Amino acid sequence: MEHYGKYEAMKQSEAKIEELRSEIDNLPVVREFRRAQSDANDLLQSITDSILVQLKEDFED
C-alpha cells in the first residue's frame, strides 16, 4: 500500500508539473522569447552557411 501511495503522489506531481509547464509556455513573454530565439537561430544558421560557402569558394580558387 505504501508503494501505491508514492506512485499516486508521483502521478499527481507530474500532472501539476505539466500543468505549470503549459501555463508557462502560454505566457506571452515566453512565446515572444521563443520566437526571438528561433529568429536568432535562423540568422546564425544563415551566417554560418554564408561563411561555409565563402570558405569553399576561397579554397577552390
N, C-alpha and C. Protein backbone atom coordinates (compact mmCIF):
# COMPACT_ATOMS: atom_id res chain seq x y z
N MET A 1 0.82 -1.20 0.00
CA MET A 1 0.00 0.00 0.00
C MET A 1 0.86 1.26 0.00
N GLU A 2 1.97 1.24 0.72
CA GLU A 2 2.81 2.42 0.79
C GLU A 2 3.36 2.76 -0.59
N HIS A 3 3.75 1.74 -1.33
CA HIS A 3 4.27 1.96 -2.68
C HIS A 3 3.21 2.61 -3.55
N TYR A 4 1.98 2.16 -3.44
CA TYR A 4 0.88 2.72 -4.23
C TYR A 4 0.70 4.20 -3.92
N GLY A 5 0.78 4.57 -2.67
CA GLY A 5 0.64 5.97 -2.28
C GLY A 5 1.71 6.84 -2.91
N LYS A 6 2.92 6.34 -2.97
CA LYS A 6 4.02 7.08 -3.59
C LYS A 6 3.80 7.21 -5.09
N TYR A 7 3.27 6.16 -5.70
CA TYR A 7 3.00 6.19 -7.13
C TYR A 7 1.95 7.25 -7.45
N GLU A 8 0.89 7.28 -6.65
CA GLU A 8 -0.17 8.27 -6.87
C GLU A 8 0.36 9.68 -6.65
N ALA A 9 1.18 9.85 -5.62
CA ALA A 9 1.77 11.17 -5.36
C ALA A 9 2.65 11.59 -6.52
N MET A 10 3.40 10.64 -7.07
CA MET A 10 4.25 10.93 -8.21
C MET A 10 3.40 11.34 -9.42
N LYS A 11 2.32 10.61 -9.67
CA LYS A 11 1.44 10.95 -10.79
C LYS A 11 0.85 12.34 -10.62
N GLN A 12 0.45 12.67 -9.39
CA GLN A 12 -0.11 14.00 -9.13
C GLN A 12 0.94 15.08 -9.33
N SER A 13 2.16 14.81 -8.88
CA SER A 13 3.25 15.77 -9.06
C SER A 13 3.54 15.99 -10.54
N GLU A 14 3.58 14.90 -11.30
CA GLU A 14 3.84 15.02 -12.73
C GLU A 14 2.73 15.78 -13.43
N ALA A 15 1.50 15.56 -13.03
CA ALA A 15 0.37 16.29 -13.62
C ALA A 15 0.47 17.77 -13.30
N LYS A 16 0.84 18.10 -12.08
CA LYS A 16 0.99 19.51 -11.69
C LYS A 16 2.13 20.16 -12.46
N ILE A 17 3.23 19.44 -12.61
CA ILE A 17 4.36 19.96 -13.38
C ILE A 17 3.94 20.24 -14.81
N GLU A 18 3.22 19.32 -15.42
CA GLU A 18 2.77 19.51 -16.80
C GLU A 18 1.81 20.70 -16.90
N GLU A 19 0.95 20.85 -15.92
CA GLU A 19 0.02 21.98 -15.90
C GLU A 19 0.78 23.31 -15.82
N LEU A 20 1.76 23.37 -14.92
CA LEU A 20 2.57 24.58 -14.79
C LEU A 20 3.38 24.85 -16.05
N ARG A 21 3.94 23.80 -16.64
CA ARG A 21 4.71 23.96 -17.87
C ARG A 21 3.83 24.53 -18.98
N SER A 22 2.61 24.04 -19.07
CA SER A 22 1.68 24.54 -20.07
C SER A 22 1.35 26.01 -19.83
N GLU A 23 1.13 26.37 -18.58
CA GLU A 23 0.85 27.77 -18.25
C GLU A 23 2.02 28.66 -18.64
N ILE A 24 3.22 28.23 -18.32
CA ILE A 24 4.42 29.00 -18.65
C ILE A 24 4.58 29.11 -20.16
N ASP A 25 4.40 28.00 -20.86
CA ASP A 25 4.54 28.01 -22.32
C ASP A 25 3.57 28.97 -22.99
N ASN A 26 2.43 29.21 -22.36
CA ASN A 26 1.42 30.07 -22.96
C ASN A 26 1.52 31.53 -22.54
N LEU A 27 2.50 31.86 -21.71
CA LEU A 27 2.70 33.26 -21.35
C LEU A 27 3.19 34.03 -22.57
N PRO A 28 2.65 35.22 -22.82
CA PRO A 28 3.09 36.00 -23.99
C PRO A 28 4.60 36.24 -24.02
N VAL A 29 5.19 36.53 -22.88
CA VAL A 29 6.63 36.80 -22.85
C VAL A 29 7.43 35.56 -23.23
N VAL A 30 6.95 34.39 -22.86
CA VAL A 30 7.64 33.15 -23.20
C VAL A 30 7.49 32.86 -24.69
N ARG A 31 6.29 33.05 -25.22
CA ARG A 31 6.09 32.84 -26.66
C ARG A 31 6.95 33.81 -27.47
N GLU A 32 7.03 35.07 -27.04
CA GLU A 32 7.84 36.05 -27.75
C GLU A 32 9.33 35.69 -27.66
N PHE A 33 9.76 35.25 -26.49
CA PHE A 33 11.15 34.84 -26.34
C PHE A 33 11.48 33.68 -27.27
N ARG A 34 10.61 32.70 -27.33
CA ARG A 34 10.87 31.54 -28.20
C ARG A 34 10.88 31.94 -29.67
N ARG A 35 10.02 32.88 -30.05
CA ARG A 35 10.03 33.37 -31.42
C ARG A 35 11.34 34.08 -31.71
N ALA A 36 11.76 34.95 -30.79
CA ALA A 36 13.02 35.67 -30.97
C ALA A 36 14.20 34.71 -31.01
N GLN A 37 14.16 33.70 -30.17
CA GLN A 37 15.23 32.70 -30.16
C GLN A 37 15.28 31.95 -31.49
N SER A 38 14.13 31.62 -32.02
CA SER A 38 14.06 30.94 -33.31
C SER A 38 14.60 31.83 -34.42
N ASP A 39 14.23 33.11 -34.38
CA ASP A 39 14.74 34.06 -35.38
C ASP A 39 16.26 34.17 -35.29
N ALA A 40 16.78 34.25 -34.06
CA ALA A 40 18.22 34.35 -33.87
C ALA A 40 18.92 33.08 -34.38
N ASN A 41 18.34 31.93 -34.12
CA ASN A 41 18.91 30.68 -34.61
C ASN A 41 18.93 30.65 -36.14
N ASP A 42 17.84 31.11 -36.75
CA ASP A 42 17.78 31.16 -38.22
C ASP A 42 18.86 32.09 -38.77
N LEU A 43 19.04 33.25 -38.13
CA LEU A 43 20.06 34.20 -38.58
C LEU A 43 21.45 33.59 -38.44
N LEU A 44 21.73 32.97 -37.32
CA LEU A 44 23.03 32.34 -37.12
C LEU A 44 23.28 31.23 -38.14
N GLN A 45 22.25 30.47 -38.45
CA GLN A 45 22.40 29.41 -39.45
C GLN A 45 22.70 30.00 -40.82
N SER A 46 22.02 31.09 -41.14
CA SER A 46 22.26 31.76 -42.42
C SER A 46 23.68 32.30 -42.50
N ILE A 47 24.15 32.91 -41.43
CA ILE A 47 25.52 33.43 -41.39
C ILE A 47 26.52 32.28 -41.53
N THR A 48 26.29 31.21 -40.81
CA THR A 48 27.17 30.04 -40.88
C THR A 48 27.21 29.48 -42.30
N ASP A 49 26.06 29.37 -42.93
CA ASP A 49 26.00 28.88 -44.30
C ASP A 49 26.77 29.79 -45.25
N SER A 50 26.62 31.10 -45.08
CA SER A 50 27.34 32.06 -45.93
C SER A 50 28.84 31.93 -45.75
N ILE A 51 29.29 31.78 -44.51
CA ILE A 51 30.72 31.61 -44.24
C ILE A 51 31.23 30.34 -44.90
N LEU A 52 30.48 29.25 -44.79
CA LEU A 52 30.91 27.99 -45.40
C LEU A 52 31.01 28.11 -46.91
N VAL A 53 30.05 28.77 -47.52
CA VAL A 53 30.08 28.95 -48.98
C VAL A 53 31.31 29.76 -49.36
N GLN A 54 31.57 30.83 -48.64
CA GLN A 54 32.73 31.68 -48.95
C GLN A 54 34.03 30.91 -48.76
N LEU A 55 34.12 30.13 -47.69
CA LEU A 55 35.33 29.34 -47.46
C LEU A 55 35.55 28.32 -48.57
N LYS A 56 34.48 27.66 -49.01
CA LYS A 56 34.61 26.69 -50.09
C LYS A 56 35.07 27.37 -51.37
N GLU A 57 34.52 28.54 -51.65
CA GLU A 57 34.93 29.29 -52.85
C GLU A 57 36.39 29.69 -52.75
N ASP A 58 36.82 30.14 -51.58
CA ASP A 58 38.21 30.55 -51.39
C ASP A 58 39.17 29.39 -51.56
N PHE A 59 38.80 28.21 -51.08
CA PHE A 59 39.68 27.05 -51.20
C PHE A 59 39.69 26.49 -52.62
N GLU A 60 38.63 26.70 -53.38
CA GLU A 60 38.56 26.20 -54.74
C GLU A 60 39.37 27.07 -55.70
N ASP A 61 39.58 28.31 -55.33
CA ASP A 61 40.33 29.23 -56.21
C ASP A 61 41.81 29.07 -56.09
